[in-house]
Protein backbone atom coordinates (compact mmCIF):
# COMPACT_ATOMS: atom_id res chain seq x y z
CA MET A 1 -31.82 23.96 229.70
CA SER A 2 -31.32 25.16 226.12
CA PRO A 3 -28.00 26.71 225.00
CA VAL A 4 -29.73 30.07 224.45
CA ARG A 5 -31.22 30.03 227.95
CA THR A 6 -27.90 29.00 229.46
CA SER A 7 -26.13 31.85 227.68
CA HIS A 8 -28.74 34.33 228.90
CA VAL A 9 -28.37 33.21 232.52
CA ALA A 10 -24.57 33.36 232.28
CA ASP A 11 -24.71 36.90 230.88
CA ARG A 12 -27.09 37.99 233.63
CA ASP A 13 -24.93 36.50 236.36
CA ALA A 14 -21.80 38.10 234.90
CA ALA A 15 -23.53 41.50 234.79
CA LEU A 16 -24.64 41.19 238.41
CA THR A 17 -21.16 40.14 239.53
CA THR A 18 -19.69 43.16 237.75
CA TRP A 19 -22.26 45.42 239.44
CA TRP A 20 -21.34 44.08 242.88
CA GLN A 21 -17.71 44.93 242.20
CA GLY A 22 -18.56 48.53 241.24
CA PRO A 23 -18.74 51.47 243.68
CA LEU A 24 -22.51 51.32 244.24
CA GLY A 25 -22.61 47.55 244.63
CA ARG A 26 -19.71 47.47 247.08
CA THR A 27 -21.24 50.24 249.18
CA LEU A 28 -24.61 48.46 249.25
CA LEU A 29 -23.03 45.18 250.36
CA ALA A 30 -21.08 46.92 253.14
CA ALA A 31 -24.22 48.69 254.36
CA GLU A 32 -26.29 45.50 254.34
CA SER A 33 -23.57 43.61 256.20
CA ASP A 34 -23.69 46.24 258.97
CA LEU A 35 -27.50 46.19 258.96
CA LEU A 36 -27.68 42.40 259.29
CA ALA A 37 -25.05 42.30 262.02
CA ALA A 38 -27.36 44.47 264.15
CA ALA A 39 -30.56 42.69 263.10
CA MET A 40 -29.22 39.23 263.97
CA GLU A 41 -27.78 40.04 267.38
CA ASP A 42 -30.58 38.05 269.01
CA VAL A 43 -30.61 35.23 266.45
CA PHE A 44 -29.06 32.18 268.04
CA GLY A 45 -29.11 28.46 267.37
CA TRP A 46 -27.19 25.78 265.56
CA GLU A 47 -27.75 26.48 261.87
CA LEU A 48 -28.24 29.65 259.81
CA LEU A 49 -29.07 29.20 256.15
CA GLN A 50 -28.66 31.92 253.52
CA VAL A 51 -30.80 31.11 250.50
CA GLY A 52 -29.53 32.91 247.42
CA ALA A 53 -26.08 34.29 246.66
CA TRP A 54 -25.72 38.01 247.22
CA GLY A 55 -22.27 39.53 246.89
CA GLY A 56 -18.96 37.97 246.03
CA ALA A 57 -18.44 36.02 249.24
CA ARG A 58 -20.16 35.38 252.58
CA GLU A 59 -19.92 38.89 253.99
CA LEU A 60 -23.61 39.08 254.93
CA LEU A 61 -23.14 36.26 257.45
CA SER A 62 -20.18 37.78 259.28
CA GLY A 63 -22.31 39.09 262.16
CA SER A 64 -24.30 35.90 262.74
CA ARG A 65 -24.12 34.23 266.17
CA THR A 66 -25.28 30.80 265.10
CA ARG A 67 -22.87 27.87 265.36
CA HIS A 68 -22.93 27.02 261.65
CA LYS A 69 -23.60 29.13 258.56
CA SER A 70 -24.44 27.71 255.14
CA VAL A 71 -25.23 29.26 251.76
CA ILE A 72 -27.43 27.69 249.10
CA ALA A 73 -27.07 29.32 245.69
CA SER A 74 -28.62 28.62 242.31
CA GLY A 75 -27.23 28.89 238.82
CA GLY A 76 -23.83 30.39 238.20
CA LEU A 77 -23.88 32.63 241.28
CA SER A 78 -22.22 30.08 243.51
CA ALA A 79 -19.18 31.94 244.85
CA GLY A 80 -18.81 31.05 248.51
CA ALA A 81 -21.81 28.71 248.39
CA ASP A 82 -21.94 25.34 250.13
CA VAL A 83 -24.69 23.87 247.95
CA VAL A 84 -26.10 24.70 244.51
CA ALA A 85 -29.83 24.00 244.30
CA ARG A 86 -33.19 25.55 243.51
CA ALA A 87 -34.44 27.91 246.18
CA SER A 88 -37.96 26.51 245.78
CA GLN A 89 -36.72 22.92 246.31
CA LEU A 90 -34.18 23.07 249.10
CA PRO A 91 -32.24 19.84 249.76
CA VAL A 92 -32.85 20.26 253.48
CA ALA A 93 -34.93 18.18 255.89
CA ALA A 94 -38.03 19.75 257.43
CA ASP A 95 -37.90 21.51 260.79
CA CYS A 96 -34.13 21.66 261.19
CA ILE A 97 -32.95 25.23 260.42
CA ASP A 98 -32.86 27.83 263.21
CA ALA A 99 -32.61 30.95 261.05
CA VAL A 100 -32.88 31.82 257.35
CA LEU A 101 -31.64 34.86 255.43
CA LEU A 102 -33.18 35.85 252.08
CA PRO A 103 -31.04 38.70 250.69
CA HIS A 104 -33.19 39.96 247.75
CA THR A 105 -33.66 36.30 246.81
CA ILE A 106 -37.38 36.35 246.09
CA GLU A 107 -37.01 39.41 243.82
CA PHE A 108 -34.91 37.35 241.41
CA ALA A 109 -37.26 34.34 241.48
CA ALA A 110 -39.99 33.35 239.06
CA ASP A 111 -42.23 32.21 241.95
CA PRO A 112 -41.41 34.17 245.14
CA TYR A 113 -44.16 32.60 247.26
CA SER A 114 -42.88 29.07 246.63
CA ILE A 115 -39.53 30.06 248.14
CA LEU A 116 -41.16 31.46 251.27
CA ARG A 117 -43.23 28.30 251.59
CA GLU A 118 -40.11 26.14 251.27
CA VAL A 119 -38.31 28.25 253.87
CA TYR A 120 -41.20 27.73 256.28
CA ARG A 121 -40.91 23.97 255.76
CA VAL A 122 -37.24 23.74 256.69
CA MET A 123 -37.36 26.07 259.70
CA VAL A 124 -37.84 24.94 263.28
CA GLY A 125 -40.68 26.32 265.37
CA GLU A 126 -39.81 29.80 266.70
CA GLY A 127 -37.01 30.02 264.11
CA GLN A 128 -36.31 33.47 262.68
CA LEU A 129 -36.38 34.71 259.09
CA VAL A 130 -34.75 37.88 257.73
CA VAL A 131 -35.77 39.22 254.30
CA LEU A 132 -34.12 42.06 252.37
CA GLY A 133 -36.01 43.74 249.55
CA PHE A 134 -36.06 46.88 247.43
CA ALA A 135 -38.97 49.28 247.99
CA PRO A 136 -41.18 49.73 244.88
CA TRP A 137 -42.03 53.38 245.50
CA SER A 138 -38.48 54.61 245.87
CA LEU A 139 -35.80 55.72 243.42
CA TRP A 140 -34.35 52.20 243.54
CA GLY A 141 -37.72 50.63 242.83
CA LEU A 142 -38.51 53.05 240.03
CA ARG A 143 -35.16 52.45 238.37
CA ALA A 144 -35.64 48.68 238.67
CA ARG A 145 -39.04 48.85 236.99
CA ALA A 146 -37.77 51.16 234.24
CA SER A 147 -34.87 48.88 233.33
CA ARG A 148 -35.30 46.15 230.73
CA THR A 149 -32.59 43.98 232.24
CA GLY A 150 -33.50 44.76 235.87
CA PHE A 151 -31.64 46.79 238.42
CA PRO A 152 -29.51 45.41 239.92
CA PRO A 153 -29.00 43.27 236.79
CA GLY A 154 -31.34 40.28 236.64
CA LEU A 155 -33.92 41.58 239.14
CA ARG A 156 -37.33 40.31 238.04
CA ARG A 157 -39.64 42.41 240.22
CA VAL A 158 -39.81 44.66 243.25
CA LEU A 159 -42.14 43.51 246.03
CA SER A 160 -43.49 45.86 248.65
CA ALA A 161 -42.92 45.15 252.33
CA HIS A 162 -46.71 45.02 252.71
CA GLN A 163 -46.99 42.23 250.10
CA VAL A 164 -44.22 40.18 251.67
CA ARG A 165 -45.74 40.66 255.14
CA GLU A 166 -49.07 39.31 253.90
CA TRP A 167 -47.39 36.22 252.44
CA LEU A 168 -45.46 35.60 255.65
CA VAL A 169 -48.56 35.89 257.83
CA LEU A 170 -50.48 33.60 255.47
CA LEU A 171 -47.78 30.95 255.81
CA GLY A 172 -47.74 31.15 259.60
CA PHE A 173 -44.99 33.64 260.39
CA GLU A 174 -45.22 36.44 262.93
CA VAL A 175 -43.59 39.63 261.64
CA LEU A 176 -41.43 41.08 264.40
CA ARG A 177 -39.76 44.06 262.76
CA GLU A 178 -39.73 46.21 259.64
CA GLU A 179 -36.94 48.68 258.98
CA GLY A 180 -36.15 50.91 256.02
CA TYR A 181 -32.64 51.57 254.76
CA LEU A 182 -30.72 52.55 251.62
CA TYR A 183 -30.75 56.34 251.64
CA ARG A 184 -28.69 56.97 248.52
CA SER A 185 -29.47 57.52 244.86
CA PRO A 186 -29.20 54.44 242.58
CA TRP A 187 -27.50 56.64 239.98
CA SER A 188 -24.56 57.49 242.22
CA HIS A 189 -21.17 56.26 241.04
CA ARG A 190 -18.90 57.81 243.62
CA GLU A 191 -16.30 55.62 245.22
CA PRO A 192 -17.36 54.57 248.73
CA GLY A 193 -15.64 56.70 251.34
CA ALA A 194 -15.35 56.43 255.09
CA GLY A 195 -18.75 56.19 256.71
CA MET A 196 -20.59 55.92 253.38
CA SER A 197 -22.23 52.59 254.23
CA ALA A 198 -23.40 53.96 257.59
CA ARG A 199 -25.01 56.95 255.85
CA MET A 200 -26.95 54.57 253.61
CA LEU A 201 -28.67 53.13 256.70
CA ARG A 202 -29.93 56.41 258.17
CA ALA A 203 -32.26 59.05 256.77
CA GLY A 204 -31.04 62.63 256.83
CA LEU A 205 -31.43 66.09 255.37
CA THR A 206 -29.15 65.19 252.47
CA TYR A 207 -31.56 62.45 251.34
CA PRO A 208 -35.16 63.28 252.34
CA LEU A 209 -36.71 60.68 250.01
CA PRO A 210 -38.19 57.31 251.11
CA ALA A 211 -35.85 54.43 251.89
CA GLY A 212 -34.78 52.46 248.85
CA ALA A 213 -34.98 49.08 250.61
CA TYR A 214 -36.41 47.36 253.66
CA LEU A 215 -35.61 44.61 256.13
CA LEU A 216 -38.32 42.30 257.47
CA LYS A 217 -37.72 40.05 260.45
CA ALA A 218 -40.21 37.30 261.22
CA ARG A 219 -40.59 34.25 263.44
CA LYS A 220 -42.14 30.91 262.58
CA ARG A 221 -45.04 30.54 264.93
CA LEU A 222 -45.33 27.27 266.79
CA TYR A 223 -48.88 26.15 267.36
CA THR A 224 -49.44 23.67 270.15
CA GLY A 225 -52.72 21.87 270.25
CA THR A 226 -54.67 21.89 273.51
CA PRO A 227 -55.95 18.38 274.18
CA ILE A 228 -59.70 18.16 274.65
CA ARG A 229 -60.54 15.82 277.47
CA PRO A 230 -63.63 13.67 277.00
CA ARG A 231 -66.47 14.43 279.36
CA TRP A 232 -67.21 11.07 280.98
CA ARG A 233 -70.80 10.35 281.96
CA GLU A 234 -71.88 7.49 284.16
CA LYS A 235 -73.81 5.03 282.09
CA PRO A 236 -77.05 3.74 283.68
CA ALA A 237 -77.19 0.05 284.39
CA VAL A 238 -79.43 -1.66 281.85
CA ILE A 239 -81.49 -4.78 282.46
CA GLY A 240 -82.46 -6.22 279.16
CA ALA A 241 -83.80 -3.25 277.23
CA LEU A 242 -84.97 -1.31 280.30
CA VAL A 243 -83.09 1.07 282.54
CA LYS A 244 -82.75 -0.18 286.11
CA PRO A 245 -84.77 2.14 288.38
CA THR A 246 -82.89 4.20 290.93
CA THR A 247 -83.28 3.08 294.54
CA ARG A 248 -84.76 5.88 296.64
CA GLN A 249 -84.26 6.22 300.32
C-alpha cells in the first residue's frame, strides 16, 4: 500500500473513532448493543464471529449466548479485535462458525457481496447471520450520500434491506427477520441521557420519519440430498444372442 493510501486510511479510521466517541456515536452504539442483545437471544452454539470493528471495544457482543466470541477487524480499526484480516478473505476454515455478526461491515467495503459469500463459506449449516445497515431512504441514508467523506466517516455506500436480502437468498440464506431502528436525526448532537438509546429503537410521535437503519437476521440453509434408488429390473436369460423363451404352464 502506498504512503498516500496509508495516510488516507489512517485519517479515515481516526475520524470514525472520534465520531464513535461523540454523543451521537455513543448513543448509536448503546442502542445497537441493546438491539443485538434481544436479536441474539436464540443464537446459540460454540463460536460467534464479528466481522468488522464497530465501536471502541466489544460492546456489541455483550448479549451473545455463544461459548466463544471473536472479532476480525481490518486496517487500523483493530481495538478489541482478535485477528486483523480482510473481510473478504477470512482466515477461518469452512463450515465451522455458528453465528456471524456484520455491524455495517459491508457498507464500508469495496465489494460487499464478496464478504457475504465468504461469511456463507465459514458458517455451519443452520448457522445464523445478523446484518446491521443504514437505510438509504432515511435521514441517515440521505446524509451519508450527501457527504464526501461518508457518514459515519468512511462509509462507502448505503445498501437497502431489499438489496441485501436478495444477495442473501442468492447465496443460500433464509431471511428470518427484518427490523427497523434508529429513530433519531443524524444531525443531533445532544448528550445521551437516560433512556435515549431505547428511544432510538422505537418509532414514536416525536420522530414520525422512516427508520434510519435496519437489522436483518438470516439462517444458512442446509440442503440434504435425497438418494435416488436405482430401479432394478430382472434381466432375461440369454442363450447366445437369443432370449430364452418363457415356459408357459
